[in-house]
C-alpha atoms as a PDB file:
ATOM      1  CA  MET A   1      22.781   2.604   0.273  1.00  0.00           C
ATOM      2  CA  LYS A   2      21.037   3.168   2.690  1.00  0.00           C
ATOM      3  CA  VAL A   3      20.060   0.157   5.084  1.00  0.00           C
ATOM      4  CA  PRO A   4      16.352   0.325   5.439  1.00  0.00           C
ATOM      5  CA  SER A   5      15.705   0.842   9.000  1.00  0.00           C
ATOM      6  CA  VAL A   6      12.704  -2.069  10.286  1.00  0.00           C
ATOM      7  CA  ARG A   7       9.432  -1.016  12.688  1.00  0.00           C
ATOM      8  CA  PRO A   8       9.515  -3.363  15.548  1.00  0.00           C
ATOM      9  CA  ARG A   9       6.662  -5.997  15.538  1.00  0.00           C
ATOM     10  CA  PRO A  10       4.334  -6.409  18.647  1.00  0.00           C
ATOM     11  CA  SER A  11       6.075  -9.842  18.974  1.00  0.00           C
ATOM     12  CA  ALA A  12       2.970 -11.806  20.810  1.00  0.00           C
ATOM     13  CA  ILE A  13      -0.619 -12.246  20.110  1.00  0.00           C
ATOM     14  CA  PRO A  14      -2.473 -11.142  23.289  1.00  0.00           C
ATOM     15  CA  LEU A  15      -4.862 -13.250  25.105  1.00  0.00           C
ATOM     16  CA  SER A  16      -8.409 -11.494  24.381  1.00  0.00           C
ATOM     17  CA  MET A  17      -7.684 -13.262  20.911  1.00  0.00           C
ATOM     18  CA  THR A  18      -8.270 -17.186  22.701  1.00  0.00           C
ATOM     19  CA  ARG A  19     -10.361 -18.831  24.037  1.00  0.00           C
ATOM     20  CA  GLU A  20      -8.211 -21.769  25.786  1.00  0.00           C
ATOM     21  CA  LYS A  21      -7.205 -20.925  29.061  1.00  0.00           C
ATOM     22  CA  PRO A  22      -3.440 -20.883  29.641  1.00  0.00           C
ATOM     23  CA  VAL A  23      -1.290 -23.184  30.602  1.00  0.00           C
ATOM     24  CA  ALA A  24       0.005 -22.415  33.651  1.00  0.00           C
ATOM     25  CA  GLY A  25       3.351 -21.549  33.304  1.00  0.00           C
ATOM     26  CA  ALA A  26       3.355 -20.879  30.101  1.00  0.00           C
ATOM     27  CA  LEU A  27       3.056 -17.384  29.683  1.00  0.00           C
ATOM     28  CA  SER A  28       5.368 -14.961  31.084  1.00  0.00           C
ATOM     29  CA  LYS A  29       3.708 -10.536  31.591  1.00  0.00           C
ATOM     30  CA  VAL A  30       5.344  -7.965  29.967  1.00  0.00           C
ATOM     31  CA  GLY A  31       4.881  -4.603  30.351  1.00  0.00           C
ATOM     32  CA  ILE A  32       3.515  -2.499  27.901  1.00  0.00           C
ATOM     33  CA  ASP A  33       3.355   1.911  28.962  1.00  0.00           C
ATOM     34  CA  GLY A  34       3.212   0.281  32.833  1.00  0.00           C
ATOM     35  CA  ASP A  35       0.776  -1.990  32.227  1.00  0.00           C
ATOM     36  CA  ASP A  36       1.435  -6.068  32.713  1.00  0.00           C
ATOM     37  CA  GLU A  37      -0.301  -8.050  29.112  1.00  0.00           C
ATOM     38  CA  GLN A  38      -0.010 -12.110  28.648  1.00  0.00           C
ATOM     39  CA  ARG A  39       1.845 -12.385  25.970  1.00  0.00           C
ATOM     40  CA  TYR A  40       2.708 -15.158  23.974  1.00  0.00           C
ATOM     41  CA  ARG A  41       6.694 -15.664  22.290  1.00  0.00           C
ATOM     42  CA  ALA A  42       7.282 -16.692  18.880  1.00  0.00           C
ATOM     43  CA  PRO A  43      10.675 -15.564  18.353  1.00  0.00           C
ATOM     44  CA  ALA A  44      11.639 -17.556  15.294  1.00  0.00           C
ATOM     45  CA  LEU A  45       8.936 -16.472  13.170  1.00  0.00           C
ATOM     46  CA  GLU A  46       9.847 -12.388  14.584  1.00  0.00           C
ATOM     47  CA  LYS A  47      13.573 -13.804  12.909  1.00  0.00           C
ATOM     48  CA  GLY A  48      11.651 -13.950   9.880  1.00  0.00           C
ATOM     49  CA  LEU A  49       8.620 -11.482   9.766  1.00  0.00           C
ATOM     50  CA  ASP A  50      12.314  -9.346   9.948  1.00  0.00           C
ATOM     51  CA  ILE A  51      14.269 -10.512   7.314  1.00  0.00           C
ATOM     52  CA  LEU A  52      11.155  -9.390   5.245  1.00  0.00           C
ATOM     53  CA  GLU A  53      10.556  -5.850   6.263  1.00  0.00           C
ATOM     54  CA  LEU A  54      14.158  -5.540   5.712  1.00  0.00           C
ATOM     55  CA  ILE A  55      14.770  -6.833   3.041  1.00  0.00           C
ATOM     56  CA  SER A  56      10.846  -5.509   0.474  1.00  0.00           C
ATOM     57  CA  ARG A  57      12.386  -1.740   1.872  1.00  0.00           C
ATOM     58  CA  ALA A  58      15.299  -1.753   0.423  1.00  0.00           C
ATOM     59  CA  SER A  59      16.143   0.334  -2.642  1.00  0.00           C
ATOM     60  CA  GLU A  60      18.561  -2.661  -3.441  1.00  0.00           C
ATOM     61  CA  PRO A  61      19.279  -6.628  -3.368  1.00  0.00           C
ATOM     62  CA  MET A  62      20.910  -7.588   0.016  1.00  0.00           C
ATOM     63  CA  SER A  63      23.279  -9.404   1.013  1.00  0.00           C
ATOM     64  CA  ILE A  64      22.878 -12.330   3.673  1.00  0.00           C
ATOM     65  CA  GLY A  65      25.468 -10.030   5.225  1.00  0.00           C
ATOM     66  CA  MET A  66      23.743  -6.895   4.469  1.00  0.00           C
ATOM     67  CA  ILE A  67      21.025  -8.533   6.442  1.00  0.00           C
ATOM     68  CA  THR A  68      23.166  -9.216  10.087  1.00  0.00           C
ATOM     69  CA  GLN A  69      24.917  -6.509  10.209  1.00  0.00           C
ATOM     70  CA  ALA A  70      21.636  -3.961   9.912  1.00  0.00           C
ATOM     71  CA  LEU A  71      19.490  -6.773  12.252  1.00  0.00           C
ATOM     72  CA  GLY A  72      22.052  -6.702  14.596  1.00  0.00           C
ATOM     73  CA  ARG A  73      22.869 -11.443  14.424  1.00  0.00           C
ATOM     74  CA  SER A  74      24.367 -13.780  14.007  1.00  0.00           C
ATOM     75  CA  THR A  75      24.877 -15.671  10.236  1.00  0.00           C
ATOM     76  CA  GLY A  76      24.366 -19.154  12.174  1.00  0.00           C
ATOM     77  CA  GLU A  77      21.233 -17.547  13.514  1.00  0.00           C
ATOM     78  CA  LEU A  78      19.443 -15.710  10.265  1.00  0.00           C
ATOM     79  CA  PHE A  79      21.167 -18.923   7.472  1.00  0.00           C
ATOM     80  CA  ARG A  80      17.706 -21.255   7.939  1.00  0.00           C
ATOM     81  CA  MET A  81      16.042 -18.285   7.632  1.00  0.00           C
ATOM     82  CA  ILE A  82      17.479 -16.777   4.545  1.00  0.00           C
ATOM     83  CA  GLN A  83      16.723 -20.548   3.044  1.00  0.00           C
ATOM     84  CA  VAL A  84      13.209 -21.615   3.640  1.00  0.00           C
ATOM     85  CA  LEU A  85      12.578 -18.000   2.630  1.00  0.00           C
ATOM     86  CA  GLU A  86      14.035 -18.649  -0.638  1.00  0.00           C
ATOM     87  CA  TYR A  87      12.967 -22.500  -1.195  1.00  0.00           C
ATOM     88  CA  ARG A  88       9.023 -21.195   0.229  1.00  0.00           C
ATOM     89  CA  GLY A  89       8.954 -18.489  -2.692  1.00  0.00           C
ATOM     90  CA  PHE A  90       9.608 -15.456  -0.199  1.00  0.00           C
ATOM     91  CA  ILE A  91      12.748 -14.323  -1.338  1.00  0.00           C
ATOM     92  CA  GLU A  92      14.679 -15.351  -4.491  1.00  0.00           C
ATOM     93  CA  GLN A  93      18.580 -14.265  -5.441  1.00  0.00           C
ATOM     94  CA  SER A  94      19.288 -10.939  -7.343  1.00  0.00           C
ATOM     95  CA  GLY A  95      22.800 -10.903  -8.279  1.00  0.00           C
ATOM     96  CA  ALA A  96      25.142 -10.892  -5.079  1.00  0.00           C
ATOM     97  CA  GLY A  97      21.294 -10.208  -2.921  1.00  0.00           C
ATOM     98  CA  TYR A  98      17.919 -11.034  -2.189  1.00  0.00           C
ATOM     99  CA  VAL A  99      15.114  -9.129  -2.898  1.00  0.00           C
ATOM    100  CA  PRO A 100      11.737 -10.002  -2.475  1.00  0.00           C
ATOM    101  CA  THR A 101       9.485 -12.176  -4.570  1.00  0.00           C
ATOM    102  CA  ALA A 102       5.551 -10.964  -5.255  1.00  0.00           C
ATOM    103  CA  ARG A 103       4.742 -13.476  -3.718  1.00  0.00           C
ATOM    104  CA  LEU A 104       3.903 -11.458  -0.135  1.00  0.00           C
ATOM    105  CA  PHE A 105       1.359  -9.338  -2.439  1.00  0.00           C
ATOM    106  CA  ALA A 106      -0.425 -11.693  -4.492  1.00  0.00           C
ATOM    107  CA  LEU A 107      -1.292 -13.916  -0.419  1.00  0.00           C
ATOM    108  CA  GLY A 108      -2.736 -10.477   0.404  1.00  0.00           C
ATOM    109  CA  MET A 109      -4.261  -9.636  -3.431  1.00  0.00           C
ATOM    110  CA  GLU A 110      -6.498 -13.600  -1.831  1.00  0.00           C
ATOM    111  CA  GLN A 111      -8.634 -11.823   0.836  1.00  0.00           C
ATOM    112  CA  ALA A 112     -12.529 -10.688   0.083  1.00  0.00           C
ATOM    113  CA  PRO A 113     -12.277  -7.405   0.097  1.00  0.00           C
ATOM    114  CA  ILE A 114      -9.817  -6.733  -2.363  1.00  0.00           C
ATOM    115  CA  LYS A 115     -10.732  -9.264  -4.394  1.00  0.00           C
ATOM    116  CA  SER A 116     -14.534  -7.583  -4.709  1.00  0.00           C
ATOM    117  CA  ILE A 117     -13.357  -5.442  -5.241  1.00  0.00           C
ATOM    118  CA  LEU A 118     -10.613  -6.341  -8.527  1.00  0.00           C
ATOM    119  CA  GLU A 119     -13.032  -8.364 -10.565  1.00  0.00           C
ATOM    120  CA  VAL A 120     -15.461  -5.240  -9.635  1.00  0.00           C
ATOM    121  CA  ALA A 121     -12.764  -2.300 -10.578  1.00  0.00           C
ATOM    122  CA  LEU A 122     -11.736  -3.975 -13.812  1.00  0.00           C
ATOM    123  CA  PRO A 123     -14.303  -4.231 -15.797  1.00  0.00           C
ATOM    124  CA  VAL A 124     -15.022  -0.473 -16.060  1.00  0.00           C
ATOM    125  CA  MET A 125     -11.465   0.136 -15.562  1.00  0.00           C
ATOM    126  CA  ARG A 126     -10.410  -0.632 -19.225  1.00  0.00           C
ATOM    127  CA  LYS A 127     -13.397   0.637 -20.471  1.00  0.00           C
ATOM    128  CA  LEU A 128     -11.825   4.400 -18.776  1.00  0.00           C
ATOM    129  CA  ALA A 129      -8.149   3.281 -20.642  1.00  0.00           C
ATOM    130  CA  GLU A 130     -10.524   2.529 -24.120  1.00  0.00           C
ATOM    131  CA  ASP A 131     -12.141   4.940 -24.115  1.00  0.00           C
ATOM    132  CA  ALA A 132     -10.080   8.430 -22.702  1.00  0.00           C
ATOM    133  CA  GLU A 133      -6.556   6.242 -24.886  1.00  0.00           C
ATOM    134  CA  GLN A 134      -4.815   6.709 -20.972  1.00  0.00           C
ATOM    135  CA  SER A 135      -4.179   4.449 -18.575  1.00  0.00           C
ATOM    136  CA  CYS A 136      -5.046   4.081 -14.567  1.00  0.00           C
ATOM    137  CA  HIS A 137      -4.608   2.089 -11.645  1.00  0.00           C
ATOM    138  CA  LEU A 138      -6.033   1.286  -8.540  1.00  0.00           C
ATOM    139  CA  ALA A 139      -4.363   1.518  -5.552  1.00  0.00           C
ATOM    140  CA  LEU A 140      -4.873   0.799  -1.717  1.00  0.00           C
ATOM    141  CA  ARG A 141      -3.358   2.082   0.932  1.00  0.00           C
ATOM    142  CA  ALA A 142      -0.337  -0.205   2.824  1.00  0.00           C
ATOM    143  CA  ASP A 143       1.389   1.312   6.751  1.00  0.00           C
ATOM    144  CA  GLY A 144       2.378   4.567   4.869  1.00  0.00           C
ATOM    145  CA  ASP A 145       2.242   3.834   1.511  1.00  0.00           C
ATOM    146  CA  ILE A 146      -0.031   3.474  -1.789  1.00  0.00           C
ATOM    147  CA  VAL A 147       1.000   0.423  -3.540  1.00  0.00           C
ATOM    148  CA  VAL A 148      -0.790  -0.426  -7.138  1.00  0.00           C
ATOM    149  CA  ALA A 149      -3.114  -3.438  -6.549  1.00  0.00           C
ATOM    150  CA  ALA A 150      -4.304  -3.141 -10.761  1.00  0.00           C
ATOM    151  CA  ARG A 151      -3.689  -1.370 -13.386  1.00  0.00           C
ATOM    152  CA  MET A 152      -5.292  -0.771 -17.516  1.00  0.00           C
ATOM    153  CA  GLU A 153      -3.289   0.016 -20.034  1.00  0.00           C
ATOM    154  CA  SER A 154      -3.484   2.662 -22.080  1.00  0.00           C
ATOM    155  CA  ALA A 155      -5.174   1.774 -25.936  1.00  0.00           C
ATOM    156  CA  GLY A 156      -3.579   4.886 -28.049  1.00  0.00           C
ATOM    157  CA  LEU A 157       0.052   4.380 -28.702  1.00  0.00           C
ATOM    158  CA  ILE A 158       1.812   6.570 -26.080  1.00  0.00           C
ATOM    159  CA  GLY A 159       0.690   6.528 -22.224  1.00  0.00           C
ATOM    160  CA  PHE A 160       2.352   5.842 -18.961  1.00  0.00           C
ATOM    161  CA  SER A 161       1.608   2.997 -16.969  1.00  0.00           C
ATOM    162  CA  VAL A 162       2.917   2.208 -13.120  1.00  0.00           C
ATOM    163  CA  ARG A 163       3.524  -1.699 -12.467  1.00  0.00           C
ATOM    164  CA  ILE A 164       1.137  -3.958  -9.918  1.00  0.00           C
ATOM    165  CA  GLY A 165       2.846  -3.400  -6.860  1.00  0.00           C
ATOM    166  CA  TYR A 166       4.615   0.028  -7.084  1.00  0.00           C
ATOM    167  CA  ARG A 167       4.315   2.071  -3.905  1.00  0.00           C
ATOM    168  CA  GLN A 168       4.647   5.289  -3.377  1.00  0.00           C
ATOM    169  CA  PRO A 169       4.733   6.735  -0.132  1.00  0.00           C
ATOM    170  CA  LEU A 170       1.174   7.957   0.473  1.00  0.00           C
ATOM    171  CA  VAL A 171       2.302  11.951   0.990  1.00  0.00           C
ATOM    172  CA  LEU A 172       3.572  11.919  -1.865  1.00  0.00           C
ATOM    173  CA  THR A 173       0.576  10.842  -4.608  1.00  0.00           C
ATOM    174  CA  GLY A 174      -2.716  11.394  -6.136  1.00  0.00           C
ATOM    175  CA  SER A 175      -3.644   8.559  -4.246  1.00  0.00           C
ATOM    176  CA  GLY A 176      -2.775   8.874  -0.669  1.00  0.00           C
ATOM    177  CA  THR A 177      -4.561  12.646  -1.395  1.00  0.00           C
ATOM    178  CA  VAL A 178      -7.488  10.617  -1.968  1.00  0.00           C
ATOM    179  CA  LEU A 179      -7.031   7.876   0.229  1.00  0.00           C
ATOM    180  CA  TYR A 180      -6.533  10.173   3.233  1.00  0.00           C
ATOM    181  CA  ALA A 181      -8.943  12.738   2.503  1.00  0.00           C
ATOM    182  CA  PHE A 182     -11.886  10.122   2.720  1.00  0.00           C
ATOM    183  CA  GLN A 183     -10.787   9.429   6.248  1.00  0.00           C
ATOM    184  CA  SER A 184     -12.695   9.905   9.627  1.00  0.00           C
ATOM    185  CA  PRO A 185     -10.034  11.998  12.076  1.00  0.00           C
ATOM    186  CA  ALA A 186      -9.131   9.234  13.811  1.00  0.00           C
ATOM    187  CA  THR A 187      -8.095   6.737  10.538  1.00  0.00           C
ATOM    188  CA  ARG A 188      -5.834   9.514   9.314  1.00  0.00           C
ATOM    189  CA  ALA A 189      -4.106  10.753  13.045  1.00  0.00           C
ATOM    190  CA  ARG A 190      -4.072   6.135  12.832  1.00  0.00           C
ATOM    191  CA  TRP A 191      -2.229   6.593   9.283  1.00  0.00           C
ATOM    192  CA  GLU A 192       0.230   9.401  10.543  1.00  0.00           C
ATOM    193  CA  ALA A 193       1.431   7.484  12.349  1.00  0.00           C
ATOM    194  CA  ALA A 194       2.495   5.283   9.579  1.00  0.00           C
ATOM    195  CA  PHE A 195       3.738   8.052   7.610  1.00  0.00           C
ATOM    196  CA  ASP A 196       7.573   9.547   7.718  1.00  0.00           C
ATOM    197  CA  PRO A 197       8.857  10.417  10.573  1.00  0.00           C
ATOM    198  CA  ASN A 198      10.812  12.831   9.482  1.00  0.00           C
ATOM    199  CA  LEU A 199       8.474  14.454   6.804  1.00  0.00           C
ATOM    200  CA  PRO A 200       8.466  18.380   7.809  1.00  0.00           C
ATOM    201  CA  ALA A 201       5.549  19.802   9.502  1.00  0.00           C
ATOM    202  CA  ASP A 202       5.220  22.593   6.612  1.00  0.00           C
ATOM    203  CA  LYS A 203       4.835  19.247   4.669  1.00  0.00           C
ATOM    204  CA  LEU A 204       2.371  17.240   6.561  1.00  0.00           C
ATOM    205  CA  ALA A 205       0.541  20.803   6.932  1.00  0.00           C
ATOM    206  CA  ALA A 206       0.445  21.087   3.000  1.00  0.00           C
ATOM    207  CA  PHE A 207      -0.160  17.867   2.615  1.00  0.00           C
ATOM    208  CA  ARG A 208      -3.569  17.733   5.274  1.00  0.00           C
ATOM    209  CA  ALA A 209      -4.605  21.248   3.648  1.00  0.00           C
ATOM    210  CA  ARG A 210      -5.176  19.437   0.032  1.00  0.00           C
ATOM    211  CA  ALA A 211      -6.845  16.812   1.710  1.00  0.00           C
ATOM    212  CA  GLU A 212      -9.179  18.785   2.153  1.00  0.00           C
ATOM    213  CA  ARG A 213      -9.866  20.046  -1.104  1.00  0.00           C
ATOM    214  CA  VAL A 214     -10.158  16.659  -2.332  1.00  0.00           C
ATOM    215  CA  GLN A 215     -12.911  15.579   0.168  1.00  0.00           C
ATOM    216  CA  THR A 216     -15.018  19.128  -0.673  1.00  0.00           C
ATOM    217  CA  ASN A 217     -14.084  18.637  -4.319  1.00  0.00           C
ATOM    218  CA  GLY A 218     -14.381  14.578  -4.408  1.00  0.00           C
ATOM    219  CA  TYR A 219     -11.510  14.452  -6.751  1.00  0.00           C
ATOM    220  CA  ASP A 220      -7.757  15.554  -7.208  1.00  0.00           C
ATOM    221  CA  GLU A 221      -6.348  16.901 -10.450  1.00  0.00           C
ATOM    222  CA  HIS A 222      -2.488  17.728  -8.875  1.00  0.00           C
ATOM    223  CA  PRO A 223       1.246  17.032 -10.750  1.00  0.00           C
ATOM    224  CA  SER A 224       2.482  14.086 -10.347  1.00  0.00           C
ATOM    225  CA  ASP A 225       4.711  14.020  -7.449  1.00  0.00           C
ATOM    226  CA  VAL A 226       7.583  11.661  -8.707  1.00  0.00           C
ATOM    227  CA  VAL A 227       6.871  12.378 -12.491  1.00  0.00           C
ATOM    228  CA  PRO A 228       7.459  14.976 -14.360  1.00  0.00           C
ATOM    229  CA  GLY A 229       4.754  16.012 -17.379  1.00  0.00           C
ATOM    230  CA  ILE A 230       2.198  13.824 -16.203  1.00  0.00           C
ATOM    231  CA  VAL A 231      -0.697  14.872 -14.348  1.00  0.00           C
ATOM    232  CA  ASP A 232      -2.673  12.865 -11.956  1.00  0.00           C
ATOM    233  CA  LEU A 233      -6.134  12.411 -11.872  1.00  0.00           C
ATOM    234  CA  ALA A 234      -7.860  10.875  -9.519  1.00  0.00           C
ATOM    235  CA  ALA A 235     -10.875   9.628  -7.152  1.00  0.00           C
ATOM    236  CA  PRO A 236     -12.432   8.057  -3.935  1.00  0.00           C
ATOM    237  CA  VAL A 237     -14.184   4.459  -4.215  1.00  0.00           C
ATOM    238  CA  LEU A 238     -16.133   4.938  -1.716  1.00  0.00           C
ATOM    239  CA  ARG A 239     -17.418   2.167   0.764  1.00  0.00           C
ATOM    240  CA  GLY A 240     -20.131   3.384   2.646  1.00  0.00           C
ATOM    241  CA  GLU A 241     -18.565   7.469   3.293  1.00  0.00           C
ATOM    242  CA  VAL A 242     -15.004   5.989   3.517  1.00  0.00           C
ATOM    243  CA  ALA A 243     -12.470   5.491  -0.212  1.00  0.00           C
ATOM    244  CA  ALA A 244     -11.906   1.903   0.220  1.00  0.00           C
ATOM    245  CA  ALA A 245      -9.245   1.928  -3.124  1.00  0.00           C
ATOM    246  CA  ALA A 246      -8.366   5.716  -5.249  1.00  0.00           C
ATOM    247  CA  LEU A 247      -8.770   5.334  -9.390  1.00  0.00           C
ATOM    248  CA  THR A 248      -5.720   7.391 -10.169  1.00  0.00           C
ATOM    249  CA  MET A 249      -5.705   8.159 -13.174  1.00  0.00           C
ATOM    250  CA  PRO A 250      -1.721   9.414 -14.826  1.00  0.00           C
ATOM    251  CA  PHE A 251      -3.240  11.999 -17.205  1.00  0.00           C
ATOM    252  CA  VAL A 252       0.045  12.322 -20.487  1.00  0.00           C
ATOM    253  CA  ARG A 253      -0.650  14.967 -22.894  1.00  0.00           C
ATOM    254  CA  LYS A 254       0.168  13.609 -25.651  1.00  0.00           C
ATOM    255  CA  VAL A 255      -0.277  14.895 -29.828  1.00  0.00           C
ATOM    256  CA  PRO A 256      -2.462  14.769 -31.160  1.00  0.00           C
ATOM    257  CA  LEU A 257      -5.136  14.266 -27.732  1.00  0.00           C
ATOM    258  CA  ASN A 258      -8.073  12.889 -28.654  1.00  0.00           C
ATOM    259  CA  VAL A 259      -9.865  13.818 -25.471  1.00  0.00           C
ATOM    260  CA  GLU A 260      -8.811  16.966 -23.086  1.00  0.00           C
ATOM    261  CA  GLN A 261      -7.550  17.012 -19.620  1.00  0.00           C
ATOM    262  CA  GLY A 262     -10.740  18.472 -17.912  1.00  0.00           C
ATOM    263  CA  HIS A 263     -13.134  14.976 -19.827  1.00  0.00           C
ATOM    264  CA  ALA A 264     -10.271  13.255 -18.667  1.00  0.00           C
ATOM    265  CA  LEU A 265     -11.154  14.112 -15.142  1.00  0.00           C
ATOM    266  CA  GLN A 266     -15.127  13.285 -15.105  1.00  0.00           C
ATOM    267  CA  MET A 267     -14.757  10.134 -16.656  1.00  0.00           C
ATOM    268  CA  VAL A 268     -11.584   9.295 -13.790  1.00  0.00           C
ATOM    269  CA  ARG A 269     -14.940  10.929 -11.351  1.00  0.00           C
ATOM    270  CA  GLU A 270     -18.120   8.523 -13.777  1.00  0.00           C
ATOM    271  CA  ALA A 271     -15.991   5.570 -13.373  1.00  0.00           C
ATOM    272  CA  ALA A 272     -15.122   5.612  -9.153  1.00  0.00           C
ATOM    273  CA  ARG A 273     -18.705   6.283  -9.136  1.00  0.00           C
ATOM    274  CA  GLU A 274     -19.845   3.231 -10.907  1.00  0.00           C
ATOM    275  CA  ILE A 275     -16.765   0.662  -8.879  1.00  0.00           C
ATOM    276  CA  SER A 276     -18.234   2.425  -5.619  1.00  0.00           C
ATOM    277  CA  SER A 277     -22.192   1.959  -6.757  1.00  0.00           C
ATOM    278  CA  GLU A 278     -20.806  -1.890  -8.292  1.00  0.00           C
ATOM    279  CA  LEU A 279     -19.036  -2.558  -4.537  1.00  0.00           C
ATOM    280  CA  ALA A 280     -22.104  -1.553  -2.774  1.00  0.00           C
ATOM    281  CA  SER A 281     -24.244  -3.250  -3.361  1.00  0.00           C
ATOM    282  CA  SER A 282     -22.911  -6.478  -3.770  1.00  0.00           C
ATOM    283  CA  ASP A 283     -21.083  -6.564  -0.615  1.00  0.00           C
ATOM    284  CA  VAL A 284     -22.659  -7.531   2.745  1.00  0.00           C
ATOM    285  CA  ARG A 285     -21.582  -5.275   4.978  1.00  0.00           C
ATOM    286  CA  VAL A 286     -22.323  -1.955   3.511  1.00  0.00           C
END
């Protein structure tokens, strides 16, 4: 099994984020790129976060031995951490190893901006799935990936859907292309820093070109790069001029086909506009 890498996390919180005066001698200066910044350290918390990140990126359950080897730490250092994470419901045993639970995802969904998007989007998505007889889902960005935050099953007997929490690299999906397309140049550059460092230059150039077409057209219509035979129909859910989410229909050409692909695309775009409009009217930040 290929052991996933863990990105190093900042080990502390900058003093600029607190108004309290530091206690003399309690802080040390850490040089970063030639600049000295005072930072707090929390080694125990860092170990727990490293374990969570590692297990979350793994393609199969990870044993304690695999975790300690990947993180370069002893069993004694991590055993109690793993026990606590399991007790608190963040990881669970599966076979001979540990896998992440949906607890972190559920906590993230409780954030007010995300919760408001879901509250607005779900009724619209339900109607879209019923009218088009195709499934649809709502995707958000998570680092260099997209993550499915909500889905609605096809009202017909046949359809294709993805589970909530499903992740794929942003550059491989219609949802990711739409999310990227409707961002500022500065935000795009920041997102690219989270892409796979091994992404070939020609693949990145092709992704950028596709995103420019999406921004011009206002939608993405493209054969799935993940599932052959599926055509992703995606449109942005906007806050102002920025994509907060992507509404995507994995279109299945089935028999009988009551709604043609072109009509389904228009339905996706109209649904995304309706969600955007309702989101703007209920969101005091826009």
